[in-house]
Amino acid sequence: MIVVDDTQYEYAGFWARVGAALIDTILVSFLTIPLVRIIYGGDDTSALPFRGPADILISFVLPALAVVVFWVARGATPGKMAISAQVVDARTGNKPSTGQAIGRYLGYYVSTIPFGLGLIWVAFDPKKQGWHDKLAGTVVIRRKGGAVQPVSFERATKDKAV
């Protein structure tokens, strides 16, 4: 269990999260594109969205697993670490559970399908939650440094399991 001092943190805003996502996308691309090219060759003339089973594994399954593992183990992907942000349980401030991390990742699809509205929602939500955060019961926080809404969590007691 981590202890988050909610007087020292704020909800990470839209542009900070966009920056973190760009960092993660660049890192994933540096790893996945060369692997797919090694396996299938460098010819990109195919009109197919996927070049084969290894492409799906390398481009979708492995990055999804990596993101979930980072959220559960570290509370953040490398991009979020770069901006000193972390994903936490919205109620307690603890690292997300495996179920929350999987739900949050799957929630990206729900957030993206209607023209990215669920991602843009972060800019307007008081707790800076996208639809994927709301579905998973998570928030993204970072150390205070700007004029953003301060965070608040319920305090766990010794008798109450978290």
C-alpha atoms as a PDB file:
ATOM      1  CA  MET A   1       0.000   0.000   0.000  1.00  0.00           C
ATOM      2  CA  ILE A   2       1.285   3.464  -0.858  1.00  0.00           C
ATOM      3  CA  VAL A   3       0.336   6.482   1.147  1.00  0.00           C
ATOM      4  CA  VAL A   4      -0.489   9.559  -0.896  1.00  0.00           C
ATOM      5  CA  ASP A   5      -0.447  12.854   0.980  1.00  0.00           C
ATOM      6  CA  ASP A   6      -3.344  14.512  -0.812  1.00  0.00           C
ATOM      7  CA  THR A   7      -2.120  17.975   0.200  1.00  0.00           C
ATOM      8  CA  GLN A   8       0.970  17.455  -1.986  1.00  0.00           C
ATOM      9  CA  TYR A   9      -0.752  16.202  -5.155  1.00  0.00           C
ATOM     10  CA  GLU A  10      -3.127  17.484  -7.805  1.00  0.00           C
ATOM     11  CA  TYR A  11      -4.968  15.837 -10.664  1.00  0.00           C
ATOM     12  CA  ALA A  12      -2.817  15.690 -13.802  1.00  0.00           C
ATOM     13  CA  GLY A  13      -4.334  17.881 -16.482  1.00  0.00           C
ATOM     14  CA  PHE A  14      -5.126  17.241 -20.117  1.00  0.00           C
ATOM     15  CA  TRP A  15      -1.924  18.585 -21.709  1.00  0.00           C
ATOM     16  CA  ALA A  16       0.389  16.878 -19.217  1.00  0.00           C
ATOM     17  CA  ARG A  17      -1.372  13.602 -19.976  1.00  0.00           C
ATOM     18  CA  VAL A  18      -1.125  14.224 -23.735  1.00  0.00           C
ATOM     19  CA  GLY A  19       2.626  14.720 -23.275  1.00  0.00           C
ATOM     20  CA  ALA A  20       2.913  11.475 -21.323  1.00  0.00           C
ATOM     21  CA  ALA A  21       0.931   9.616 -24.001  1.00  0.00           C
ATOM     22  CA  LEU A  22       3.222  10.975 -26.722  1.00  0.00           C
ATOM     23  CA  ILE A  23       6.297   9.776 -24.829  1.00  0.00           C
ATOM     24  CA  ASP A  24       4.748   6.314 -24.412  1.00  0.00           C
ATOM     25  CA  THR A  25       3.723   6.174 -28.081  1.00  0.00           C
ATOM     26  CA  ILE A  26       7.228   7.073 -29.234  1.00  0.00           C
ATOM     27  CA  LEU A  27       8.805   4.456 -26.943  1.00  0.00           C
ATOM     28  CA  VAL A  28       6.399   1.731 -28.077  1.00  0.00           C
ATOM     29  CA  SER A  29       6.958   2.664 -31.730  1.00  0.00           C
ATOM     30  CA  PHE A  30      10.747   2.472 -31.346  1.00  0.00           C
ATOM     31  CA  LEU A  31      10.319  -1.096 -30.101  1.00  0.00           C
ATOM     32  CA  THR A  32       7.459  -2.455 -32.190  1.00  0.00           C
ATOM     33  CA  ILE A  33       8.101  -1.047 -35.675  1.00  0.00           C
ATOM     34  CA  PRO A  34      11.625  -2.495 -36.017  1.00  0.00           C
ATOM     35  CA  LEU A  35      10.468  -5.897 -34.711  1.00  0.00           C
ATOM     36  CA  VAL A  36       7.595  -6.081 -37.191  1.00  0.00           C
ATOM     37  CA  ARG A  37       9.922  -5.023 -40.022  1.00  0.00           C
ATOM     38  CA  ILE A  38      12.486  -7.665 -39.050  1.00  0.00           C
ATOM     39  CA  ILE A  39       9.818 -10.367 -39.089  1.00  0.00           C
ATOM     40  CA  TYR A  40       7.863  -9.267 -42.179  1.00  0.00           C
ATOM     41  CA  GLY A  41      10.435  -7.263 -44.099  1.00  0.00           C
ATOM     42  CA  GLY A  42      10.634  -3.538 -44.713  1.00  0.00           C
ATOM     43  CA  ASP A  43       8.103  -3.425 -47.567  1.00  0.00           C
ATOM     44  CA  ASP A  44       5.114  -1.348 -46.420  1.00  0.00           C
ATOM     45  CA  THR A  45       3.139  -1.650 -49.668  1.00  0.00           C
ATOM     46  CA  SER A  46       0.599  -4.050 -48.164  1.00  0.00           C
ATOM     47  CA  ALA A  47      -2.937  -2.668 -47.918  1.00  0.00           C
ATOM     48  CA  LEU A  48      -3.694  -5.021 -45.027  1.00  0.00           C
ATOM     49  CA  PRO A  49      -4.096  -3.420 -41.592  1.00  0.00           C
ATOM     50  CA  PHE A  50      -2.134  -6.294 -40.028  1.00  0.00           C
ATOM     51  CA  ARG A  51       0.724  -8.146 -41.610  1.00  0.00           C
ATOM     52  CA  GLY A  52       0.176 -11.368 -39.657  1.00  0.00           C
ATOM     53  CA  PRO A  53      -0.143 -12.896 -36.189  1.00  0.00           C
ATOM     54  CA  ALA A  54       3.267 -11.664 -35.025  1.00  0.00           C
ATOM     55  CA  ASP A  55       2.241  -8.113 -35.955  1.00  0.00           C
ATOM     56  CA  ILE A  56      -0.856  -8.353 -33.755  1.00  0.00           C
ATOM     57  CA  LEU A  57       1.189  -9.830 -30.900  1.00  0.00           C
ATOM     58  CA  ILE A  58       3.985  -7.253 -31.153  1.00  0.00           C
ATOM     59  CA  SER A  59       1.856  -4.202 -31.931  1.00  0.00           C
ATOM     60  CA  PHE A  60      -1.140  -4.784 -29.660  1.00  0.00           C
ATOM     61  CA  VAL A  61      -0.858  -7.623 -27.144  1.00  0.00           C
ATOM     62  CA  LEU A  62       2.654  -6.970 -25.801  1.00  0.00           C
ATOM     63  CA  PRO A  63       2.172  -3.193 -25.406  1.00  0.00           C
ATOM     64  CA  ALA A  64      -1.152  -3.814 -23.600  1.00  0.00           C
ATOM     65  CA  LEU A  65       0.536  -6.258 -21.210  1.00  0.00           C
ATOM     66  CA  ALA A  66       3.418  -3.843 -20.635  1.00  0.00           C
ATOM     67  CA  VAL A  67       1.076  -0.951 -19.822  1.00  0.00           C
ATOM     68  CA  VAL A  68      -0.953  -3.038 -17.355  1.00  0.00           C
ATOM     69  CA  VAL A  69       2.237  -4.311 -15.671  1.00  0.00           C
ATOM     70  CA  PHE A  70       3.637  -0.762 -15.402  1.00  0.00           C
ATOM     71  CA  TRP A  71       0.387   0.535 -13.879  1.00  0.00           C
ATOM     72  CA  VAL A  72       0.203  -2.276 -11.314  1.00  0.00           C
ATOM     73  CA  ALA A  73       3.912  -2.410 -10.428  1.00  0.00           C
ATOM     74  CA  ARG A  74       4.925   1.251 -10.690  1.00  0.00           C
ATOM     75  CA  GLY A  75       1.636   3.134 -10.875  1.00  0.00           C
ATOM     76  CA  ALA A  76       2.795   4.749 -14.117  1.00  0.00           C
ATOM     77  CA  THR A  77       4.043   4.111 -17.618  1.00  0.00           C
ATOM     78  CA  PRO A  78       7.406   5.622 -18.634  1.00  0.00           C
ATOM     79  CA  GLY A  79       5.588   8.636 -20.096  1.00  0.00           C
ATOM     80  CA  LYS A  80       3.727   9.296 -16.852  1.00  0.00           C
ATOM     81  CA  MET A  81       6.962   8.764 -14.901  1.00  0.00           C
ATOM     82  CA  ALA A  82       8.614  11.399 -17.118  1.00  0.00           C
ATOM     83  CA  ILE A  83       6.014  13.974 -16.060  1.00  0.00           C
ATOM     84  CA  SER A  84       6.028  12.732 -12.422  1.00  0.00           C
ATOM     85  CA  ALA A  85       2.451  11.471 -12.652  1.00  0.00           C
ATOM     86  CA  GLN A  86       0.929   8.228 -11.457  1.00  0.00           C
ATOM     87  CA  VAL A  87      -2.299   6.296 -11.856  1.00  0.00           C
ATOM     88  CA  VAL A  88      -3.993   5.593  -8.518  1.00  0.00           C
ATOM     89  CA  ASP A  89      -7.262   4.232  -7.191  1.00  0.00           C
ATOM     90  CA  ALA A  90      -9.685   7.175  -7.155  1.00  0.00           C
ATOM     91  CA  ARG A  91     -11.060   6.237  -3.743  1.00  0.00           C
ATOM     92  CA  THR A  92      -7.933   5.377  -1.740  1.00  0.00           C
ATOM     93  CA  GLY A  93      -4.936   6.791  -3.601  1.00  0.00           C
ATOM     94  CA  ASN A  94      -3.274   3.368  -3.726  1.00  0.00           C
ATOM     95  CA  LYS A  95      -1.792   1.841  -6.867  1.00  0.00           C
ATOM     96  CA  PRO A  96      -4.501   0.388  -9.107  1.00  0.00           C
ATOM     97  CA  SER A  97      -5.349  -3.297  -8.776  1.00  0.00           C
ATOM     98  CA  THR A  98      -4.754  -5.636 -11.696  1.00  0.00           C
ATOM     99  CA  GLY A  99      -8.493  -5.575 -12.414  1.00  0.00           C
ATOM    100  CA  GLN A 100      -8.535  -1.783 -12.416  1.00  0.00           C
ATOM    101  CA  ALA A 101      -5.501  -1.668 -14.721  1.00  0.00           C
ATOM    102  CA  ILE A 102      -7.069  -4.092 -17.204  1.00  0.00           C
ATOM    103  CA  GLY A 103     -10.389  -2.233 -17.038  1.00  0.00           C
ATOM    104  CA  ARG A 104      -8.612   1.080 -17.561  1.00  0.00           C
ATOM    105  CA  TYR A 105      -6.784  -0.235 -20.616  1.00  0.00           C
ATOM    106  CA  LEU A 106      -9.972  -1.668 -22.129  1.00  0.00           C
ATOM    107  CA  GLY A 107     -11.651   1.618 -21.267  1.00  0.00           C
ATOM    108  CA  TYR A 108      -9.315   3.360 -23.709  1.00  0.00           C
ATOM    109  CA  TYR A 109     -11.315   1.740 -26.515  1.00  0.00           C
ATOM    110  CA  VAL A 110     -14.572   3.072 -25.053  1.00  0.00           C
ATOM    111  CA  SER A 111     -12.954   6.508 -24.692  1.00  0.00           C
ATOM    112  CA  THR A 112     -11.569   6.531 -28.222  1.00  0.00           C
ATOM    113  CA  ILE A 113     -14.439   5.157 -30.320  1.00  0.00           C
ATOM    114  CA  PRO A 114     -16.739   8.220 -30.192  1.00  0.00           C
ATOM    115  CA  PHE A 115     -14.233  10.617 -31.832  1.00  0.00           C
ATOM    116  CA  GLY A 116     -11.893  10.492 -28.807  1.00  0.00           C
ATOM    117  CA  LEU A 117     -14.519  12.232 -26.677  1.00  0.00           C
ATOM    118  CA  GLY A 118     -13.705  10.070 -23.643  1.00  0.00           C
ATOM    119  CA  LEU A 119     -10.081  11.220 -23.803  1.00  0.00           C
ATOM    120  CA  ILE A 120     -10.937  14.884 -24.380  1.00  0.00           C
ATOM    121  CA  TRP A 121     -13.238  14.610 -21.344  1.00  0.00           C
ATOM    122  CA  VAL A 122     -10.108  14.937 -19.159  1.00  0.00           C
ATOM    123  CA  ALA A 123      -9.946  18.642 -20.054  1.00  0.00           C
ATOM    124  CA  PHE A 124     -13.419  19.329 -18.632  1.00  0.00           C
ATOM    125  CA  ASP A 125     -13.771  16.901 -15.724  1.00  0.00           C
ATOM    126  CA  PRO A 126     -13.218  18.307 -12.182  1.00  0.00           C
ATOM    127  CA  LYS A 127     -10.987  15.337 -11.289  1.00  0.00           C
ATOM    128  CA  LYS A 128      -9.411  15.279 -14.766  1.00  0.00           C
ATOM    129  CA  GLN A 129     -10.768  11.770 -15.377  1.00  0.00           C
ATOM    130  CA  GLY A 130     -11.268  10.357 -18.838  1.00  0.00           C
ATOM    131  CA  TRP A 131     -14.004   7.806 -19.386  1.00  0.00           C
ATOM    132  CA  HIS A 132     -11.402   5.040 -19.009  1.00  0.00           C
ATOM    133  CA  ASP A 133     -10.526   6.434 -15.556  1.00  0.00           C
ATOM    134  CA  LYS A 134     -14.176   6.606 -14.538  1.00  0.00           C
ATOM    135  CA  LEU A 135     -14.811   3.032 -15.723  1.00  0.00           C
ATOM    136  CA  ALA A 136     -11.801   1.727 -13.782  1.00  0.00           C
ATOM    137  CA  GLY A 137     -12.178   3.937 -10.700  1.00  0.00           C
ATOM    138  CA  THR A 138      -8.781   5.604 -11.170  1.00  0.00           C
ATOM    139  CA  VAL A 139      -7.329   9.104 -11.326  1.00  0.00           C
ATOM    140  CA  VAL A 140      -3.983  10.406 -12.564  1.00  0.00           C
ATOM    141  CA  ILE A 141      -2.137  12.581 -10.059  1.00  0.00           C
ATOM    142  CA  ARG A 142       1.152  14.448  -9.869  1.00  0.00           C
ATOM    143  CA  ARG A 143       2.967  16.592  -7.344  1.00  0.00           C
ATOM    144  CA  LYS A 144       1.476  20.062  -7.019  1.00  0.00           C
ATOM    145  CA  GLY A 145       2.946  22.738  -9.168  1.00  0.00           C
ATOM    146  CA  GLY A 146       0.083  24.414 -10.973  1.00  0.00           C
ATOM    147  CA  ALA A 147      -3.420  25.736 -10.520  1.00  0.00           C
ATOM    148  CA  VAL A 148      -5.245  22.428 -10.799  1.00  0.00           C
ATOM    149  CA  GLN A 149      -7.927  20.893  -8.560  1.00  0.00           C
ATOM    150  CA  PRO A 150      -6.305  19.360  -5.397  1.00  0.00           C
ATOM    151  CA  VAL A 151      -6.919  15.656  -4.796  1.00  0.00           C
ATOM    152  CA  SER A 152      -8.843  14.010  -1.955  1.00  0.00           C
ATOM    153  CA  PHE A 153      -9.050  10.364  -0.885  1.00  0.00           C
ATOM    154  CA  GLU A 154     -10.847   8.416   1.797  1.00  0.00           C
ATOM    155  CA  ARG A 155      -8.556   7.405   4.622  1.00  0.00           C
ATOM    156  CA  ALA A 156      -8.277   3.665   5.233  1.00  0.00           C
ATOM    157  CA  THR A 157      -8.488   2.529   8.847  1.00  0.00           C
ATOM    158  CA  LYS A 158      -6.734  -0.483  10.345  1.00  0.00           C
ATOM    159  CA  ASP A 159     -10.066  -2.306  10.646  1.00  0.00           C
ATOM    160  CA  LYS A 160     -11.147  -1.505   7.107  1.00  0.00           C
ATOM    161  CA  ALA A 161      -9.593  -3.549   4.296  1.00  0.00           C
ATOM    162  CA  VAL A 162      -8.478  -1.541   1.285  1.00  0.00           C
END
